[in-house]
Amino acid sequence: MPADSEALNALANQGDHYGDVLHLYFTENYAATSGKKDIKTFDYDPDYECGFTQEFKGGIVFKKEECIEAGGVNWAIHMPKIPEEELRSWVENIYAAELPDFPGEWTSEMEYGTKGGEAGCYYSLSDKTAYWQVIVWCGS
């Protein structure tokens, strides 16, 4: 599950991948076991996917939602049970790939985000016994 933040950031800034480091991480590192499903679009722009769910090998469930205008972007990810320190390291690396110019910090044992509470991305980890739930919100 390790994430190379510099390589991921470089890949995310190419072509159609721009701005979606989280989804890119999973598509590059895990085989999809489903296509995108539960796809949501804006009424005024039916070609833009503002939300979807996709499943990946290992029991990973990835959900993205950005269908509320000016509401930021939300992700909910079910991830396999790994040691907490590995998950925390993964969060730090994904954050660094997503926002390399904005330092992050752990604000509690299970919450990580932009230093000082500024606009950026925030991660919340929940131990669900059989899997980790990672909730991510990015916005201002």
Protein backbone atom coordinates (compact mmCIF):
# COMPACT_ATOMS: atom_id res chain seq x y z
CA MET A 1 0.00 0.00 0.00
CA PRO A 2 2.97 2.42 0.02
CA ALA A 3 2.50 5.60 -1.99
CA ASP A 4 5.39 7.40 -3.69
CA SER A 5 4.17 10.97 -3.35
CA GLU A 6 6.51 12.56 -5.91
CA ALA A 7 5.83 9.98 -8.63
CA LEU A 8 2.10 10.07 -7.94
CA ASN A 9 2.05 13.88 -8.06
CA ALA A 10 3.90 13.87 -11.39
CA LEU A 11 1.48 11.32 -12.85
CA ALA A 12 -1.56 13.20 -11.50
CA ASN A 13 -0.49 16.36 -13.29
CA GLN A 14 -0.52 14.68 -16.70
CA GLY A 15 -3.42 14.59 -19.14
CA ASP A 16 -6.81 13.41 -17.93
CA HIS A 17 -5.61 12.53 -14.43
CA TYR A 18 -5.21 16.10 -13.22
CA GLY A 19 -6.44 16.64 -9.69
CA ASP A 20 -7.56 13.16 -8.67
CA VAL A 21 -4.58 11.69 -6.85
CA LEU A 22 -6.68 9.33 -4.73
CA HIS A 23 -8.44 7.61 -7.61
CA LEU A 24 -5.23 7.55 -9.61
CA TYR A 25 -3.41 5.82 -6.74
CA PHE A 26 -5.93 2.98 -6.71
CA THR A 27 -6.18 2.59 -10.49
CA GLU A 28 -2.38 2.46 -10.78
CA ASN A 29 -1.83 0.05 -7.87
CA TYR A 30 -4.87 -2.23 -7.67
CA ALA A 31 -6.89 -4.14 -10.24
CA ALA A 32 -10.44 -2.83 -10.52
CA THR A 33 -13.07 -5.46 -9.76
CA SER A 34 -15.86 -3.21 -11.04
CA GLY A 35 -16.23 -0.34 -13.39
CA LYS A 36 -17.46 2.97 -12.07
CA LYS A 37 -21.00 2.56 -10.80
CA ASP A 38 -23.61 4.76 -9.15
CA ILE A 39 -22.31 7.52 -11.43
CA LYS A 40 -23.70 10.97 -10.69
CA THR A 41 -23.58 14.00 -12.98
CA PHE A 42 -24.66 17.61 -12.83
CA ASP A 43 -27.98 18.43 -14.52
CA TYR A 44 -26.30 21.23 -16.45
CA ASP A 45 -23.25 19.11 -17.43
CA PRO A 46 -24.25 15.46 -17.90
CA ASP A 47 -20.80 14.58 -19.28
CA TYR A 48 -19.01 15.46 -16.02
CA GLU A 49 -18.93 12.69 -13.41
CA CYS A 50 -19.31 14.41 -10.06
CA GLY A 51 -19.68 11.18 -8.11
CA PHE A 52 -19.17 7.44 -8.44
CA THR A 53 -18.26 4.22 -6.65
CA GLN A 54 -15.62 1.75 -7.80
CA GLU A 55 -14.30 -1.45 -6.25
CA PHE A 56 -10.73 -2.74 -6.34
CA LYS A 57 -8.95 -5.97 -5.53
CA GLY A 58 -8.37 -6.54 -1.83
CA GLY A 59 -11.84 -5.40 -0.80
CA ILE A 60 -11.17 -1.72 -1.49
CA VAL A 61 -14.31 0.37 -2.08
CA PHE A 62 -13.72 3.89 -3.41
CA LYS A 63 -16.48 6.52 -3.42
CA LYS A 64 -16.13 10.06 -4.72
CA GLU A 65 -18.69 12.85 -4.36
CA GLU A 66 -18.35 16.44 -5.54
CA CYS A 67 -21.88 17.09 -6.75
CA ILE A 68 -22.64 19.97 -4.40
CA GLU A 69 -21.51 23.23 -5.95
CA ALA A 70 -18.97 25.03 -3.76
CA GLY A 71 -19.07 22.03 -1.43
CA GLY A 72 -15.59 20.68 -2.01
CA VAL A 73 -14.79 17.07 -2.82
CA ASN A 74 -15.50 14.11 -0.55
CA TRP A 75 -14.14 10.58 -0.72
CA ALA A 76 -15.06 7.57 1.39
CA ILE A 77 -12.68 4.64 1.08
CA HIS A 78 -12.93 1.21 2.66
CA MET A 79 -9.42 -0.21 2.86
CA PRO A 80 -8.10 -3.58 4.01
CA LYS A 81 -7.00 -3.91 7.60
CA ILE A 82 -3.30 -3.03 7.85
CA PRO A 83 -1.28 -1.81 10.84
CA GLU A 84 -2.34 1.70 11.85
CA GLU A 85 1.17 3.11 11.38
CA GLU A 86 1.19 1.90 7.75
CA LEU A 87 -2.16 3.57 7.14
CA ARG A 88 -0.95 6.80 8.74
CA SER A 89 2.15 6.76 6.51
CA TRP A 90 -0.05 6.14 3.45
CA VAL A 91 -2.23 9.15 4.39
CA GLU A 92 0.85 11.38 4.75
CA ASN A 93 2.17 10.30 1.34
CA ILE A 94 -1.15 10.69 -0.47
CA TYR A 95 -1.58 14.12 1.10
CA ALA A 96 1.95 15.12 0.00
CA ALA A 97 1.13 14.03 -3.56
CA GLU A 98 -2.18 15.91 -3.56
CA LEU A 99 -0.92 19.14 -1.94
CA PRO A 100 2.90 19.23 -2.11
CA ASP A 101 3.06 22.97 -1.32
CA PHE A 102 0.92 22.83 1.84
CA PRO A 103 2.35 21.10 4.93
CA GLY A 104 0.08 18.66 6.70
CA GLU A 105 -0.16 17.61 10.34
CA TRP A 106 -1.90 15.09 12.58
CA THR A 107 -4.46 17.05 14.59
CA SER A 108 -5.43 13.95 16.56
CA GLU A 109 -4.55 10.27 16.46
CA MET A 110 -7.00 9.65 13.62
CA GLU A 111 -7.22 13.01 11.80
CA TYR A 112 -4.74 14.58 9.40
CA GLY A 113 -4.97 17.75 7.38
CA THR A 114 -3.56 21.04 6.23
CA LYS A 115 -1.39 22.61 8.91
CA GLY A 116 -3.16 25.35 10.84
CA GLY A 117 -6.63 24.35 9.63
CA GLU A 118 -6.27 26.27 6.38
CA ALA A 119 -8.08 25.40 3.14
CA GLY A 120 -6.88 22.04 1.85
CA CYS A 121 -7.55 18.35 2.43
CA TYR A 122 -8.52 16.57 5.63
CA TYR A 123 -8.41 12.84 6.38
CA SER A 124 -10.35 11.03 9.07
CA LEU A 125 -9.55 7.39 9.88
CA SER A 126 -12.04 4.99 11.47
CA ASP A 127 -11.32 1.45 12.60
CA LYS A 128 -14.32 -0.62 11.47
CA THR A 129 -12.95 -3.94 12.82
CA ALA A 130 -12.84 -5.72 9.43
CA TYR A 131 -11.51 -2.73 7.44
CA TRP A 132 -10.35 0.88 7.70
CA GLN A 133 -12.69 3.64 6.63
CA VAL A 134 -10.88 6.71 5.33
CA ILE A 135 -12.98 9.83 4.82
CA VAL A 136 -11.32 12.65 2.89
CA TRP A 137 -12.64 16.15 2.34
CA CYS A 138 -10.90 18.81 0.24
CA GLY A 139 -12.07 22.37 -0.08
CA SER A 140 -11.82 25.86 1.28
